[in-house]
């Protein structure tokens, strides 16, 4: 697959490897807005066959405030465009694009602080004038639990180990459906 059609080149005069504090916030948000428009147009003509999302401007502003002043722009906005792909085996992830990723986040075996999520995220960026794009890979088995974790736990204030414990129950075979997931979550949270 030729992913180069998804690379948006910034109109800003500085490299995206610079820290956020080197950019005027509103100029950066205007450039991100142009990037979002670019992705919309590119995806209309590319007939992109995967699930994807373009990060909202509101989310971009929140990320700016969270990572200002020291994070690089390209690190802060490494997922303006993100695609989700199902693979039978994680090794297939490297065969999808026609280029080598510039960074990867391997959560196939979990995170250090296990929240139950499993996946492989690959980031592509030909140079520092282009916003990185993110491809998230999951097996169907992992995606099912990831979706439930996202729906019921993500940004809801629960301790990360709740997701990790649900992952263990899922892998034991005791969670086969969303109803099972809700029941086990209720038990873990002290309900019955």
C-alpha atoms as a PDB file:
ATOM      1  CA  UNK A   1       0.000   0.000   0.000  1.00  0.00           C
ATOM      2  CA  UNK A   2       1.325   3.451  -0.900  1.00  0.00           C
ATOM      3  CA  UNK A   3       0.841   5.517   2.242  1.00  0.00           C
ATOM      4  CA  UNK A   4       2.652   8.548   0.813  1.00  0.00           C
ATOM      5  CA  UNK A   5      -0.725   9.999  -0.259  1.00  0.00           C
ATOM      6  CA  UNK A   6      -1.388  10.553   3.464  1.00  0.00           C
ATOM      7  CA  UNK A   7       1.696  12.677   4.168  1.00  0.00           C
ATOM      8  CA  UNK A   8       0.842  16.306   4.864  1.00  0.00           C
ATOM      9  CA  UNK A   9       3.740  18.758   4.601  1.00  0.00           C
ATOM     10  CA  UNK A  10       3.500  21.595   7.100  1.00  0.00           C
ATOM     11  CA  UNK A  11       3.160  25.205   5.973  1.00  0.00           C
ATOM     12  CA  UNK A  12       5.053  26.335   9.057  1.00  0.00           C
ATOM     13  CA  UNK A  13       8.571  27.688   8.586  1.00  0.00           C
ATOM     14  CA  UNK A  14      10.183  25.410  11.177  1.00  0.00           C
ATOM     15  CA  UNK A  15      10.907  21.712  11.391  1.00  0.00           C
ATOM     16  CA  UNK A  16       8.317  19.685  13.302  1.00  0.00           C
ATOM     17  CA  UNK A  17      11.107  18.228  15.444  1.00  0.00           C
ATOM     18  CA  UNK A  18      11.205  21.591  17.259  1.00  0.00           C
ATOM     19  CA  UNK A  19       9.525  21.935  20.642  1.00  0.00           C
ATOM     20  CA  UNK A  20       6.031  23.357  20.970  1.00  0.00           C
ATOM     21  CA  UNK A  21       7.302  26.569  22.598  1.00  0.00           C
ATOM     22  CA  UNK A  22       9.048  27.530  19.340  1.00  0.00           C
ATOM     23  CA  UNK A  23       5.677  27.858  17.573  1.00  0.00           C
ATOM     24  CA  UNK A  24       2.824  30.292  17.943  1.00  0.00           C
ATOM     25  CA  UNK A  25      -0.073  28.188  19.254  1.00  0.00           C
ATOM     26  CA  UNK A  26      -2.698  29.636  16.901  1.00  0.00           C
ATOM     27  CA  UNK A  27      -0.437  29.316  13.842  1.00  0.00           C
ATOM     28  CA  UNK A  28       0.166  25.693  14.781  1.00  0.00           C
ATOM     29  CA  UNK A  29      -3.567  25.054  15.224  1.00  0.00           C
ATOM     30  CA  UNK A  30      -4.227  26.677  11.829  1.00  0.00           C
ATOM     31  CA  UNK A  31      -1.651  24.342  10.250  1.00  0.00           C
ATOM     32  CA  UNK A  32      -3.227  21.347  11.973  1.00  0.00           C
ATOM     33  CA  UNK A  33      -6.595  22.450  10.612  1.00  0.00           C
ATOM     34  CA  UNK A  34      -5.084  22.462   7.109  1.00  0.00           C
ATOM     35  CA  UNK A  35      -3.674  18.992   7.774  1.00  0.00           C
ATOM     36  CA  UNK A  36      -7.115  17.745   8.792  1.00  0.00           C
ATOM     37  CA  UNK A  37      -8.604  19.144   5.556  1.00  0.00           C
ATOM     38  CA  UNK A  38      -5.787  17.510   3.591  1.00  0.00           C
ATOM     39  CA  UNK A  39      -6.523  14.114   5.171  1.00  0.00           C
ATOM     40  CA  UNK A  40     -10.234  14.459   4.390  1.00  0.00           C
ATOM     41  CA  UNK A  41      -9.500  15.179   0.731  1.00  0.00           C
ATOM     42  CA  UNK A  42      -6.786  12.535   0.407  1.00  0.00           C
ATOM     43  CA  UNK A  43      -9.010   9.860   1.923  1.00  0.00           C
ATOM     44  CA  UNK A  44     -11.906  10.693  -0.392  1.00  0.00           C
ATOM     45  CA  UNK A  45      -9.784   9.974  -3.449  1.00  0.00           C
ATOM     46  CA  UNK A  46      -7.574   7.207  -2.044  1.00  0.00           C
ATOM     47  CA  UNK A  47     -10.421   4.794  -1.214  1.00  0.00           C
ATOM     48  CA  UNK A  48      -8.634   3.939   2.020  1.00  0.00           C
ATOM     49  CA  UNK A  49      -9.771   0.413   2.971  1.00  0.00           C
ATOM     50  CA  UNK A  50      -9.208   0.603   6.751  1.00  0.00           C
ATOM     51  CA  UNK A  51     -10.912   2.144   9.770  1.00  0.00           C
ATOM     52  CA  UNK A  52      -9.380   5.508  10.540  1.00  0.00           C
ATOM     53  CA  UNK A  53      -9.901   8.738  12.406  1.00  0.00           C
ATOM     54  CA  UNK A  54      -8.577  12.264  12.121  1.00  0.00           C
ATOM     55  CA  UNK A  55      -7.890  13.852  15.509  1.00  0.00           C
ATOM     56  CA  UNK A  56     -10.281  16.690  16.361  1.00  0.00           C
ATOM     57  CA  UNK A  57      -9.006  20.238  16.851  1.00  0.00           C
ATOM     58  CA  UNK A  58     -10.288  20.121  20.424  1.00  0.00           C
ATOM     59  CA  UNK A  59      -8.130  17.047  21.120  1.00  0.00           C
ATOM     60  CA  UNK A  60      -5.171  18.786  19.461  1.00  0.00           C
ATOM     61  CA  UNK A  61      -5.581  21.785  21.760  1.00  0.00           C
ATOM     62  CA  UNK A  62      -5.749  19.506  24.798  1.00  0.00           C
ATOM     63  CA  UNK A  63      -2.562  17.726  23.687  1.00  0.00           C
ATOM     64  CA  UNK A  64      -0.848  21.074  23.161  1.00  0.00           C
ATOM     65  CA  UNK A  65      -1.700  22.194  26.690  1.00  0.00           C
ATOM     66  CA  UNK A  66      -0.617  18.841  28.137  1.00  0.00           C
ATOM     67  CA  UNK A  67       2.767  18.693  26.367  1.00  0.00           C
ATOM     68  CA  UNK A  68       3.722  22.376  26.192  1.00  0.00           C
ATOM     69  CA  UNK A  69       6.504  23.589  26.324  1.00  0.00           C
ATOM     70  CA  UNK A  70       9.098  20.838  25.831  1.00  0.00           C
ATOM     71  CA  UNK A  71       7.586  18.149  23.605  1.00  0.00           C
ATOM     72  CA  UNK A  72       8.420  18.207  19.904  1.00  0.00           C
ATOM     73  CA  UNK A  73       5.506  19.010  17.595  1.00  0.00           C
ATOM     74  CA  UNK A  74       5.994  15.732  15.703  1.00  0.00           C
ATOM     75  CA  UNK A  75       5.919  13.767  18.951  1.00  0.00           C
ATOM     76  CA  UNK A  76       2.876  15.610  20.307  1.00  0.00           C
ATOM     77  CA  UNK A  77       0.958  15.173  17.048  1.00  0.00           C
ATOM     78  CA  UNK A  78       2.210  11.747  15.977  1.00  0.00           C
ATOM     79  CA  UNK A  79      -1.385  10.633  15.492  1.00  0.00           C
ATOM     80  CA  UNK A  80      -3.261  13.441  13.716  1.00  0.00           C
ATOM     81  CA  UNK A  81      -4.174  10.682  11.312  1.00  0.00           C
ATOM     82  CA  UNK A  82      -4.599   7.205  12.757  1.00  0.00           C
ATOM     83  CA  UNK A  83      -5.709   3.971  11.130  1.00  0.00           C
ATOM     84  CA  UNK A  84      -6.741   0.719  12.791  1.00  0.00           C
ATOM     85  CA  UNK A  85      -5.995  -2.527  11.053  1.00  0.00           C
ATOM     86  CA  UNK A  86      -6.773  -6.112  11.971  1.00  0.00           C
ATOM     87  CA  UNK A  87      -4.023  -8.650  11.283  1.00  0.00           C
ATOM     88  CA  UNK A  88      -4.004 -12.396  11.789  1.00  0.00           C
ATOM     89  CA  UNK A  89      -0.518 -12.149  13.242  1.00  0.00           C
ATOM     90  CA  UNK A  90       1.389  -9.065  14.373  1.00  0.00           C
ATOM     91  CA  UNK A  91       4.285  -9.864  12.029  1.00  0.00           C
ATOM     92  CA  UNK A  92       1.978  -8.893   9.143  1.00  0.00           C
ATOM     93  CA  UNK A  93       1.969  -5.284  10.355  1.00  0.00           C
ATOM     94  CA  UNK A  94       5.345  -4.572   8.781  1.00  0.00           C
ATOM     95  CA  UNK A  95       4.122  -5.738   5.363  1.00  0.00           C
ATOM     96  CA  UNK A  96       1.218  -3.260   5.053  1.00  0.00           C
ATOM     97  CA  UNK A  97       3.089  -0.057   4.195  1.00  0.00           C
ATOM     98  CA  UNK A  98       5.676   0.539   1.518  1.00  0.00           C
ATOM     99  CA  UNK A  99       8.187   2.066   3.929  1.00  0.00           C
ATOM    100  CA  UNK A 100       9.911   1.413   7.233  1.00  0.00           C
ATOM    101  CA  UNK A 101       8.311   3.005  10.320  1.00  0.00           C
ATOM    102  CA  UNK A 102      10.236   5.783  12.076  1.00  0.00           C
ATOM    103  CA  UNK A 103       8.983   4.611  15.458  1.00  0.00           C
ATOM    104  CA  UNK A 104       7.034   1.778  16.969  1.00  0.00           C
ATOM    105  CA  UNK A 105       5.192   1.244  20.201  1.00  0.00           C
ATOM    106  CA  UNK A 106       5.030  -2.470  20.881  1.00  0.00           C
ATOM    107  CA  UNK A 107       2.286  -3.381  23.337  1.00  0.00           C
ATOM    108  CA  UNK A 108       1.744  -6.918  22.061  1.00  0.00           C
ATOM    109  CA  UNK A 109       2.617  -8.316  25.485  1.00  0.00           C
ATOM    110  CA  UNK A 110       1.147  -5.347  27.360  1.00  0.00           C
ATOM    111  CA  UNK A 111       2.531  -2.179  28.859  1.00  0.00           C
ATOM    112  CA  UNK A 112       4.787  -1.829  31.893  1.00  0.00           C
ATOM    113  CA  UNK A 113       1.699  -0.712  33.839  1.00  0.00           C
ATOM    114  CA  UNK A 114      -0.663  -3.237  32.240  1.00  0.00           C
ATOM    115  CA  UNK A 115      -4.053  -1.739  31.412  1.00  0.00           C
ATOM    116  CA  UNK A 116      -5.099  -4.750  29.328  1.00  0.00           C
ATOM    117  CA  UNK A 117      -4.495  -3.136  25.925  1.00  0.00           C
ATOM    118  CA  UNK A 118      -2.639  -5.186  23.319  1.00  0.00           C
ATOM    119  CA  UNK A 119      -1.414  -3.938  19.978  1.00  0.00           C
ATOM    120  CA  UNK A 120       1.387  -2.653  17.817  1.00  0.00           C
ATOM    121  CA  UNK A 121       1.493   1.004  16.767  1.00  0.00           C
ATOM    122  CA  UNK A 122       3.743   1.976  13.858  1.00  0.00           C
ATOM    123  CA  UNK A 123       4.499   5.591  12.962  1.00  0.00           C
ATOM    124  CA  UNK A 124       5.497   6.765   9.497  1.00  0.00           C
ATOM    125  CA  UNK A 125       7.132  10.064   8.595  1.00  0.00           C
ATOM    126  CA  UNK A 126       9.380  10.642   5.569  1.00  0.00           C
ATOM    127  CA  UNK A 127      11.004  13.784   7.036  1.00  0.00           C
ATOM    128  CA  UNK A 128      10.560  16.453   9.717  1.00  0.00           C
ATOM    129  CA  UNK A 129       8.377  18.697   7.533  1.00  0.00           C
ATOM    130  CA  UNK A 130       5.629  16.048   7.480  1.00  0.00           C
ATOM    131  CA  UNK A 131       3.306  15.184  10.359  1.00  0.00           C
ATOM    132  CA  UNK A 132       3.707  11.521  11.347  1.00  0.00           C
ATOM    133  CA  UNK A 133       0.821   9.140  10.734  1.00  0.00           C
ATOM    134  CA  UNK A 134      -0.056   6.235  13.001  1.00  0.00           C
ATOM    135  CA  UNK A 135      -1.177   2.729  12.149  1.00  0.00           C
ATOM    136  CA  UNK A 136      -2.558   0.666  15.047  1.00  0.00           C
ATOM    137  CA  UNK A 137      -2.480  -3.079  14.514  1.00  0.00           C
ATOM    138  CA  UNK A 138      -4.428  -5.640  16.515  1.00  0.00           C
ATOM    139  CA  UNK A 139      -5.476  -9.220  16.091  1.00  0.00           C
ATOM    140  CA  UNK A 140      -9.261  -9.679  16.072  1.00  0.00           C
ATOM    141  CA  UNK A 141      -8.938 -11.386  19.470  1.00  0.00           C
ATOM    142  CA  UNK A 142      -7.103  -8.399  20.976  1.00  0.00           C
ATOM    143  CA  UNK A 143      -9.277  -5.795  19.248  1.00  0.00           C
ATOM    144  CA  UNK A 144     -12.420  -7.222  20.819  1.00  0.00           C
ATOM    145  CA  UNK A 145     -11.132  -6.735  24.363  1.00  0.00           C
ATOM    146  CA  UNK A 146      -9.441  -3.418  23.471  1.00  0.00           C
ATOM    147  CA  UNK A 147     -12.786  -2.050  22.271  1.00  0.00           C
ATOM    148  CA  UNK A 148     -14.527  -3.073  25.499  1.00  0.00           C
ATOM    149  CA  UNK A 149     -11.714  -1.613  27.600  1.00  0.00           C
ATOM    150  CA  UNK A 150     -12.007   1.636  25.656  1.00  0.00           C
ATOM    151  CA  UNK A 151     -15.788   1.786  26.000  1.00  0.00           C
ATOM    152  CA  UNK A 152     -15.950   1.000  29.700  1.00  0.00           C
ATOM    153  CA  UNK A 153     -12.630   2.129  31.224  1.00  0.00           C
ATOM    154  CA  UNK A 154     -10.817   4.673  29.024  1.00  0.00           C
ATOM    155  CA  UNK A 155     -10.718   8.176  30.568  1.00  0.00           C
ATOM    156  CA  UNK A 156     -13.092   7.115  33.344  1.00  0.00           C
ATOM    157  CA  UNK A 157     -10.596   7.319  36.207  1.00  0.00           C
ATOM    158  CA  UNK A 158     -10.188   3.619  36.981  1.00  0.00           C
ATOM    159  CA  UNK A 159      -6.813   2.296  38.083  1.00  0.00           C
ATOM    160  CA  UNK A 160      -4.864   0.789  35.143  1.00  0.00           C
ATOM    161  CA  UNK A 161      -4.676  -2.590  36.854  1.00  0.00           C
ATOM    162  CA  UNK A 162      -8.457  -3.031  36.400  1.00  0.00           C
ATOM    163  CA  UNK A 163      -7.866  -3.436  32.662  1.00  0.00           C
ATOM    164  CA  UNK A 164      -4.893  -5.715  33.295  1.00  0.00           C
ATOM    165  CA  UNK A 165      -6.987  -7.927  35.551  1.00  0.00           C
ATOM    166  CA  UNK A 166      -9.795  -8.043  32.972  1.00  0.00           C
ATOM    167  CA  UNK A 167      -7.187  -9.085  30.370  1.00  0.00           C
ATOM    168  CA  UNK A 168      -6.194 -12.074  32.530  1.00  0.00           C
ATOM    169  CA  UNK A 169      -9.845 -13.088  32.933  1.00  0.00           C
ATOM    170  CA  UNK A 170     -10.349 -12.706  29.165  1.00  0.00           C
ATOM    171  CA  UNK A 171      -7.318 -14.865  28.401  1.00  0.00           C
ATOM    172  CA  UNK A 172      -8.562 -17.527  30.828  1.00  0.00           C
ATOM    173  CA  UNK A 173     -11.680 -17.856  28.653  1.00  0.00           C
ATOM    174  CA  UNK A 174     -14.151 -16.531  31.234  1.00  0.00           C
ATOM    175  CA  UNK A 175     -15.002 -13.487  29.110  1.00  0.00           C
ATOM    176  CA  UNK A 176     -16.620 -14.519  25.840  1.00  0.00           C
ATOM    177  CA  UNK A 177     -19.021 -11.614  25.282  1.00  0.00           C
ATOM    178  CA  UNK A 178     -19.556  -7.982  26.174  1.00  0.00           C
ATOM    179  CA  UNK A 179     -22.091  -9.120  28.771  1.00  0.00           C
ATOM    180  CA  UNK A 180     -19.396 -11.306  30.377  1.00  0.00           C
ATOM    181  CA  UNK A 181     -17.037  -8.318  30.290  1.00  0.00           C
ATOM    182  CA  UNK A 182     -19.542  -6.045  32.063  1.00  0.00           C
ATOM    183  CA  UNK A 183     -20.239  -8.726  34.680  1.00  0.00           C
ATOM    184  CA  UNK A 184     -16.524  -9.255  35.435  1.00  0.00           C
ATOM    185  CA  UNK A 185     -15.928  -5.493  35.524  1.00  0.00           C
ATOM    186  CA  UNK A 186     -18.765  -5.104  38.018  1.00  0.00           C
ATOM    187  CA  UNK A 187     -17.255  -7.849  40.198  1.00  0.00           C
ATOM    188  CA  UNK A 188     -13.814  -6.208  40.078  1.00  0.00           C
ATOM    189  CA  UNK A 189     -15.291  -2.849  41.047  1.00  0.00           C
ATOM    190  CA  UNK A 190     -16.994  -4.349  44.086  1.00  0.00           C
ATOM    191  CA  UNK A 191     -20.484  -4.840  42.697  1.00  0.00           C
ATOM    192  CA  UNK A 192     -22.071  -8.237  42.167  1.00  0.00           C
END
